[in-house]
Amino acid sequence: MGCGRRAPQRELVRFAAVEGMLTAGRTLPGRGAYTCPDVECFERARSRRAFRRALRADATVLPALAHLYTEGPNG
């Protein structure tokens, strides 16, 4: 969503809108939005409001989600 790169889903980070908040997780219900495992891709998608368009829903995108890219999946 941020850089436009195509890759297999397993190589991307999935987000979904849960109770109005953007949440990362592969098994969350609903529409998913994917970014590269790169913080620049996430930031670009956030600044362009691409999550809202991809999810077709309003979802608060907290900048703190960028920690997923620096800390890894186990936080």
PDB file of N, CA and C in Angstrom:
ATOM      1  N   MET A   1       0.810  -1.193   0.000  1.00  0.00           N
ATOM      2  CA  MET A   1       0.000   0.000   0.000  1.00  0.00           C
ATOM      3  C   MET A   1       0.854   1.258   0.000  1.00  0.00           C
ATOM      4  N   GLY A   2       1.978   1.205   0.628  1.00  0.00           N
ATOM      5  CA  GLY A   2       2.808   2.394   0.688  1.00  0.00           C
ATOM      6  C   GLY A   2       3.698   2.553  -0.523  1.00  0.00           C
ATOM      7  N   CYS A   3       4.380   1.475  -0.890  1.00  0.00           N
ATOM      8  CA  CYS A   3       5.355   1.566  -1.976  1.00  0.00           C
ATOM      9  C   CYS A   3       4.851   0.928  -3.265  1.00  0.00           C
ATOM     10  N   GLY A   4       3.811   0.109  -3.194  1.00  0.00           N
ATOM     11  CA  GLY A   4       3.262  -0.524  -4.383  1.00  0.00           C
ATOM     12  C   GLY A   4       3.950  -1.816  -4.782  1.00  0.00           C
ATOM     13  N   ARG A   5       4.919  -2.252  -3.996  1.00  0.00           N
ATOM     14  CA  ARG A   5       5.639  -3.495  -4.287  1.00  0.00           C
ATOM     15  C   ARG A   5       4.703  -4.691  -4.168  1.00  0.00           C
ATOM     16  N   ARG A   6       4.852  -5.649  -5.041  1.00  0.00           N
ATOM     17  CA  ARG A   6       4.064  -6.887  -4.968  1.00  0.00           C
ATOM     18  C   ARG A   6       4.935  -7.972  -4.341  1.00  0.00           C
ATOM     19  N   ALA A   7       4.314  -8.730  -3.441  1.00  0.00           N
ATOM     20  CA  ALA A   7       5.032  -9.812  -2.769  1.00  0.00           C
ATOM     21  C   ALA A   7       3.997 -10.816  -2.258  1.00  0.00           C
ATOM     22  N   PRO A   8       4.409 -12.043  -1.982  1.00  0.00           N
ATOM     23  CA  PRO A   8       3.488 -13.012  -1.373  1.00  0.00           C
ATOM     24  C   PRO A   8       2.995 -12.494  -0.012  1.00  0.00           C
ATOM     25  N   GLN A   9       1.759 -12.813   0.331  1.00  0.00           N
ATOM     26  CA  GLN A   9       1.179 -12.315   1.584  1.00  0.00           C
ATOM     27  C   GLN A   9       2.025 -12.645   2.800  1.00  0.00           C
ATOM     28  N   ARG A  10       2.661 -13.800   2.809  1.00  0.00           N
ATOM     29  CA  ARG A  10       3.445 -14.201   3.986  1.00  0.00           C
ATOM     30  C   ARG A  10       4.625 -13.269   4.236  1.00  0.00           C
ATOM     31  N   GLU A  11       5.031 -12.505   3.213  1.00  0.00           N
ATOM     32  CA  GLU A  11       6.147 -11.577   3.355  1.00  0.00           C
ATOM     33  C   GLU A  11       5.695 -10.171   3.754  1.00  0.00           C
ATOM     34  N   LEU A  12       4.376  -9.958   3.862  1.00  0.00           N
ATOM     35  CA  LEU A  12       3.839  -8.636   4.150  1.00  0.00           C
ATOM     36  C   LEU A  12       3.236  -8.588   5.558  1.00  0.00           C
ATOM     37  N   VAL A  13       3.024  -7.382   6.059  1.00  0.00           N
ATOM     38  CA  VAL A  13       2.377  -7.170   7.359  1.00  0.00           C
ATOM     39  C   VAL A  13       0.914  -6.837   7.079  1.00  0.00           C
ATOM     40  N   ARG A  14      -0.015  -7.577   7.725  1.00  0.00           N
ATOM     41  CA  ARG A  14      -1.453  -7.367   7.496  1.00  0.00           C
ATOM     42  C   ARG A  14      -2.051  -6.521   8.608  1.00  0.00           C
ATOM     43  N   PHE A  15      -2.939  -5.611   8.211  1.00  0.00           N
ATOM     44  CA  PHE A  15      -3.673  -4.765   9.146  1.00  0.00           C
ATOM     45  C   PHE A  15      -5.160  -4.897   8.868  1.00  0.00           C
ATOM     46  N   ALA A  16      -5.972  -4.711   9.907  1.00  0.00           N
ATOM     47  CA  ALA A  16      -7.430  -4.699   9.776  1.00  0.00           C
ATOM     48  C   ALA A  16      -7.964  -3.664  10.757  1.00  0.00           C
ATOM     49  N   ALA A  17      -9.187  -3.205  10.516  1.00  0.00           N
ATOM     50  CA  ALA A  17      -9.839  -2.257  11.425  1.00  0.00           C
ATOM     51  C   ALA A  17     -10.590  -3.057  12.486  1.00  0.00           C
ATOM     52  N   VAL A  18     -10.216  -2.863  13.735  1.00  0.00           N
ATOM     53  CA  VAL A  18     -10.875  -3.538  14.853  1.00  0.00           C
ATOM     54  C   VAL A  18     -11.382  -2.456  15.794  1.00  0.00           C
ATOM     55  N   GLU A  19     -12.716  -2.358  15.900  1.00  0.00           N
ATOM     56  CA  GLU A  19     -13.350  -1.354  16.760  1.00  0.00           C
ATOM     57  C   GLU A  19     -12.816   0.046  16.473  1.00  0.00           C
ATOM     58  N   GLY A  20     -12.636   0.362  15.200  1.00  0.00           N
ATOM     59  CA  GLY A  20     -12.213   1.697  14.801  1.00  0.00           C
ATOM     60  C   GLY A  20     -10.729   1.980  14.921  1.00  0.00           C
ATOM     61  N   MET A  21      -9.947   0.977  15.260  1.00  0.00           N
ATOM     62  CA  MET A  21      -8.498   1.159  15.389  1.00  0.00           C
ATOM     63  C   MET A  21      -7.790   0.234  14.409  1.00  0.00           C
ATOM     64  N   LEU A  22      -6.766   0.739  13.751  1.00  0.00           N
ATOM     65  CA  LEU A  22      -5.955  -0.093  12.878  1.00  0.00           C
ATOM     66  C   LEU A  22      -5.138  -1.037  13.748  1.00  0.00           C
ATOM     67  N   THR A  23      -5.238  -2.326  13.459  1.00  0.00           N
ATOM     68  CA  THR A  23      -4.591  -3.349  14.266  1.00  0.00           C
ATOM     69  C   THR A  23      -3.856  -4.315  13.352  1.00  0.00           C
ATOM     70  N   ALA A  24      -2.658  -4.702  13.752  1.00  0.00           N
ATOM     71  CA  ALA A  24      -1.877  -5.664  12.975  1.00  0.00           C
ATOM     72  C   ALA A  24      -2.242  -7.077  13.400  1.00  0.00           C
ATOM     73  N   GLY A  25      -2.364  -7.966  12.424  1.00  0.00           N
ATOM     74  CA  GLY A  25      -2.652  -9.361  12.730  1.00  0.00           C
ATOM     75  C   GLY A  25      -3.095 -10.125  11.504  1.00  0.00           C
ATOM     76  N   ARG A  26      -2.564 -11.306  11.349  1.00  0.00           N
ATOM     77  CA  ARG A  26      -2.886 -12.131  10.173  1.00  0.00           C
ATOM     78  C   ARG A  26      -4.288 -12.729  10.228  1.00  0.00           C
ATOM     79  N   THR A  27      -4.814 -12.980  11.424  1.00  0.00           N
ATOM     80  CA  THR A  27      -6.084 -13.702  11.531  1.00  0.00           C
ATOM     81  C   THR A  27      -7.249 -12.825  11.958  1.00  0.00           C
ATOM     82  N   LEU A  28      -7.092 -11.518  11.918  1.00  0.00           N
ATOM     83  CA  LEU A  28      -8.183 -10.623  12.297  1.00  0.00           C
ATOM     84  C   LEU A  28      -9.288 -10.685  11.253  1.00  0.00           C
ATOM     85  N   PRO A  29     -10.541 -10.565  11.679  1.00  0.00           N
ATOM     86  CA  PRO A  29     -11.646 -10.620  10.723  1.00  0.00           C
ATOM     87  C   PRO A  29     -11.737  -9.339   9.893  1.00  0.00           C
ATOM     88  N   GLY A  30     -12.388  -9.457   8.751  1.00  0.00           N
ATOM     89  CA  GLY A  30     -12.646  -8.294   7.919  1.00  0.00           C
ATOM     90  C   GLY A  30     -11.609  -8.078   6.838  1.00  0.00           C
ATOM     91  N   ARG A  31     -11.773  -6.967   6.135  1.00  0.00           N
ATOM     92  CA  ARG A  31     -10.855  -6.616   5.056  1.00  0.00           C
ATOM     93  C   ARG A  31      -9.466  -6.387   5.617  1.00  0.00           C
ATOM     94  N   GLY A  32      -8.483  -6.748   4.844  1.00  0.00           N
ATOM     95  CA  GLY A  32      -7.105  -6.560   5.258  1.00  0.00           C
ATOM     96  C   GLY A  32      -6.385  -5.587   4.354  1.00  0.00           C
ATOM     97  N   ALA A  33      -5.391  -4.934   4.904  1.00  0.00           N
ATOM     98  CA  ALA A  33      -4.523  -4.031   4.159  1.00  0.00           C
ATOM     99  C   ALA A  33      -3.099  -4.466   4.461  1.00  0.00           C
ATOM    100  N   TYR A  34      -2.266  -4.534   3.442  1.00  0.00           N
ATOM    101  CA  TYR A  34      -0.920  -5.075   3.584  1.00  0.00           C
ATOM    102  C   TYR A  34       0.139  -4.033   3.258  1.00  0.00           C
ATOM    103  N   THR A  35       1.237  -4.065   4.026  1.00  0.00           N
ATOM    104  CA  THR A  35       2.395  -3.228   3.720  1.00  0.00           C
ATOM    105  C   THR A  35       3.641  -4.114   3.729  1.00  0.00           C
ATOM    106  N   CYS A  36       4.679  -3.591   3.111  1.00  0.00           N
ATOM    107  CA  CYS A  36       5.981  -4.261   3.166  1.00  0.00           C
ATOM    108  C   CYS A  36       6.470  -4.262   4.616  1.00  0.00           C
ATOM    109  N   PRO A  37       7.380  -5.133   4.967  1.00  0.00           N
ATOM    110  CA  PRO A  37       7.936  -5.125   6.320  1.00  0.00           C
ATOM    111  C   PRO A  37       8.994  -4.023   6.450  1.00  0.00           C
ATOM    112  N   ASP A  38       8.622  -2.809   6.084  1.00  0.00           N
ATOM    113  CA  ASP A  38       9.534  -1.670   6.065  1.00  0.00           C
ATOM    114  C   ASP A  38       8.799  -0.460   6.639  1.00  0.00           C
ATOM    115  N   VAL A  39       9.371   0.201   7.615  1.00  0.00           N
ATOM    116  CA  VAL A  39       8.700   1.316   8.275  1.00  0.00           C
ATOM    117  C   VAL A  39       8.401   2.449   7.296  1.00  0.00           C
ATOM    118  N   GLU A  40       9.227   2.658   6.285  1.00  0.00           N
ATOM    119  CA  GLU A  40       8.964   3.719   5.318  1.00  0.00           C
ATOM    120  C   GLU A  40       7.686   3.432   4.533  1.00  0.00           C
ATOM    121  N   CYS A  41       7.439   2.179   4.223  1.00  0.00           N
ATOM    122  CA  CYS A  41       6.225   1.788   3.515  1.00  0.00           C
ATOM    123  C   CYS A  41       5.001   2.073   4.395  1.00  0.00           C
ATOM    124  N   PHE A  42       5.072   1.706   5.665  1.00  0.00           N
ATOM    125  CA  PHE A  42       3.980   1.968   6.600  1.00  0.00           C
ATOM    126  C   PHE A  42       3.717   3.466   6.709  1.00  0.00           C
ATOM    127  N   GLU A  43       4.766   4.250   6.891  1.00  0.00           N
ATOM    128  CA  GLU A  43       4.604   5.700   7.050  1.00  0.00           C
ATOM    129  C   GLU A  43       4.020   6.335   5.798  1.00  0.00           C
ATOM    130  N   ARG A  44       4.427   5.867   4.650  1.00  0.00           N
ATOM    131  CA  ARG A  44       3.897   6.409   3.402  1.00  0.00           C
ATOM    132  C   ARG A  44       2.403   6.082   3.265  1.00  0.00           C
ATOM    133  N   ALA A  45       2.022   4.858   3.586  1.00  0.00           N
ATOM    134  CA  ALA A  45       0.609   4.468   3.536  1.00  0.00           C
ATOM    135  C   ALA A  45      -0.201   5.289   4.530  1.00  0.00           C
ATOM    136  N   ARG A  46       0.346   5.511   5.714  1.00  0.00           N
ATOM    137  CA  ARG A  46      -0.357   6.304   6.739  1.00  0.00           C
ATOM    138  C   ARG A  46      -0.539   7.737   6.285  1.00  0.00           C
ATOM    139  N   SER A  47       0.509   8.348   5.759  1.00  0.00           N
ATOM    140  CA  SER A  47       0.423   9.749   5.352  1.00  0.00           C
ATOM    141  C   SER A  47      -0.498   9.942   4.143  1.00  0.00           C
ATOM    142  N   ARG A  48      -0.609   8.936   3.288  1.00  0.00           N
ATOM    143  CA  ARG A  48      -1.472   9.014   2.114  1.00  0.00           C
ATOM    144  C   ARG A  48      -2.899   8.556   2.395  1.00  0.00           C
ATOM    145  N   ARG A  49      -3.166   8.161   3.645  1.00  0.00           N
ATOM    146  CA  ARG A  49      -4.482   7.659   4.066  1.00  0.00           C
ATOM    147  C   ARG A  49      -4.906   6.435   3.266  1.00  0.00           C
ATOM    148  N   ALA A  50      -3.933   5.624   2.902  1.00  0.00           N
ATOM    149  CA  ALA A  50      -4.195   4.434   2.107  1.00  0.00           C
ATOM    150  C   ALA A  50      -4.916   3.352   2.914  1.00  0.00           C
ATOM    151  N   PHE A  51      -4.716   3.311   4.221  1.00  0.00           N
ATOM    152  CA  PHE A  51      -5.396   2.301   5.043  1.00  0.00           C
ATOM    153  C   PHE A  51      -6.905   2.493   4.973  1.00  0.00           C
ATOM    154  N   ARG A  52      -7.353   3.729   5.069  1.00  0.00           N
ATOM    155  CA  ARG A  52      -8.786   4.024   5.022  1.00  0.00           C
ATOM    156  C   ARG A  52      -9.385   3.554   3.701  1.00  0.00           C
ATOM    157  N   ARG A  53      -8.694   3.834   2.602  1.00  0.00           N
ATOM    158  CA  ARG A  53      -9.200   3.419   1.293  1.00  0.00           C
ATOM    159  C   ARG A  53      -9.208   1.901   1.148  1.00  0.00           C
ATOM    160  N   ALA A  54      -8.152   1.244   1.561  1.00  0.00           N
ATOM    161  CA  ALA A  54      -8.049  -0.211   1.401  1.00  0.00           C
ATOM    162  C   ALA A  54      -9.052  -0.952   2.282  1.00  0.00           C
ATOM    163  N   LEU A  55      -9.253  -0.463   3.484  1.00  0.00           N
ATOM    164  CA  LEU A  55     -10.154  -1.137   4.420  1.00  0.00           C
ATOM    165  C   LEU A  55     -11.610  -0.737   4.209  1.00  0.00           C
ATOM    166  N   ARG A  56     -11.824   0.340   3.456  1.00  0.00           N
ATOM    167  CA  ARG A  56     -13.158   0.881   3.232  1.00  0.00           C
ATOM    168  C   ARG A  56     -13.864   1.174   4.543  1.00  0.00           C
ATOM    169  N   ALA A  57     -13.104   1.689   5.493  1.00  0.00           N
ATOM    170  CA  ALA A  57     -13.651   2.024   6.804  1.00  0.00           C
ATOM    171  C   ALA A  57     -12.739   3.048   7.467  1.00  0.00           C
ATOM    172  N   ASP A  58     -13.334   3.847   8.341  1.00  0.00           N
ATOM    173  CA  ASP A  58     -12.523   4.759   9.141  1.00  0.00           C
ATOM    174  C   ASP A  58     -11.831   3.960  10.227  1.00  0.00           C
ATOM    175  N   ALA A  59     -10.547   4.144  10.327  1.00  0.00           N
ATOM    176  CA  ALA A  59      -9.769   3.472  11.366  1.00  0.00           C
ATOM    177  C   ALA A  59      -8.670   4.418  11.813  1.00  0.00           C
ATOM    178  N   THR A  60      -8.540   4.590  13.108  1.00  0.00           N
ATOM    179  CA  THR A  60      -7.495   5.437  13.648  1.00  0.00           C
ATOM    180  C   THR A  60      -6.164   4.729  13.476  1.00  0.00           C
ATOM    181  N   VAL A  61      -5.237   5.416  12.831  1.00  0.00           N
ATOM    182  CA  VAL A  61      -3.909   4.854  12.586  1.00  0.00           C
ATOM    183  C   VAL A  61      -2.938   5.542  13.536  1.00  0.00           C
ATOM    184  N   LEU A  62      -2.535   4.825  14.562  1.00  0.00           N
ATOM    185  CA  LEU A  62      -1.605   5.377  15.525  1.00  0.00           C
ATOM    186  C   LEU A  62      -0.175   5.261  15.001  1.00  0.00           C
ATOM    187  N   PRO A  63       0.600   6.350  15.062  1.00  0.00           N
ATOM    188  CA  PRO A  63       1.991   6.281  14.622  1.00  0.00           C
ATOM    189  C   PRO A  63       2.791   5.239  15.406  1.00  0.00           C
ATOM    190  N   ALA A  64       2.340   4.891  16.596  1.00  0.00           N
ATOM    191  CA  ALA A  64       3.049   3.904  17.421  1.00  0.00           C
ATOM    192  C   ALA A  64       3.070   2.523  16.764  1.00  0.00           C
ATOM    193  N   LEU A  65       2.202   2.280  15.773  1.00  0.00           N
ATOM    194  CA  LEU A  65       2.234   0.988  15.084  1.00  0.00           C
ATOM    195  C   LEU A  65       3.554   0.781  14.356  1.00  0.00           C
ATOM    196  N   ALA A  66       4.293   1.826  14.123  1.00  0.00           N
ATOM    197  CA  ALA A  66       5.589   1.710  13.454  1.00  0.00           C
ATOM    198  C   ALA A  66       6.542   0.836  14.266  1.00  0.00           C
ATOM    199  N   HIS A  67       6.302   0.655  15.563  1.00  0.00           N
ATOM    200  CA  HIS A  67       7.173  -0.189  16.388  1.00  0.00           C
ATOM    201  C   HIS A  67       7.198  -1.625  15.886  1.00  0.00           C
ATOM    202  N   LEU A  68       6.169  -2.057  15.173  1.00  0.00           N
ATOM    203  CA  LEU A  68       6.145  -3.408  14.607  1.00  0.00           C
ATOM    204  C   LEU A  68       7.329  -3.646  13.678  1.00  0.00           C
ATOM    205  N   TYR A  69       7.805  -2.604  13.053  1.00  0.00           N
ATOM    206  CA  TYR A  69       8.863  -2.728  12.082  1.00  0.00           C
ATOM    207  C   TYR A  69      10.250  -2.654  12.721  1.00  0.00           C
ATOM    208  N   THR A  70      10.323  -2.092  13.913  1.00  0.00           N
ATOM    209  CA  THR A  70      11.622  -1.969  14.576  1.00  0.00           C
ATOM    210  C   THR A  70      11.826  -3.017  15.663  1.00  0.00           C
ATOM    211  N   GLU A  71      10.719  -3.485  16.257  1.00  0.00           N
ATOM    212  CA  GLU A  71      10.832  -4.435  17.365  1.00  0.00           C
ATOM    213  C   GLU A  71      10.557  -5.866  16.945  1.00  0.00           C
ATOM    214  N   GLY A  72       9.957  -6.075  15.793  1.00  0.00           N
ATOM    215  CA  GLY A  72       9.647  -7.429  15.353  1.00  0.00           C
ATOM    216  C   GLY A  72       8.297  -7.886  15.870  1.00  0.00           C
ATOM    217  N   PRO A  73       7.865  -9.089  15.508  1.00  0.00           N
ATOM    218  CA  PRO A  73       6.545  -9.577  15.843  1.00  0.00           C
ATOM    219  C   PRO A  73       6.324  -9.872  17.325  1.00  0.00           C
ATOM    220  N   ASN A  74       7.377 -10.097  18.070  1.00  0.00           N
ATOM    221  CA  ASN A  74       7.207 -10.416  19.498  1.00  0.00           C
ATOM    222  C   ASN A  74       7.345  -9.207  20.390  1.00  0.00           C
ATOM    223  N   GLY A  75       7.459  -8.013  19.786  1.00  0.00           N
ATOM    224  CA  GLY A  75       7.435  -6.746  20.484  1.00  0.00           C
ATOM    225  C   GLY A  75       8.551  -6.484  21.378  1.00  0.00           C
TER     226      GLY A  75
END
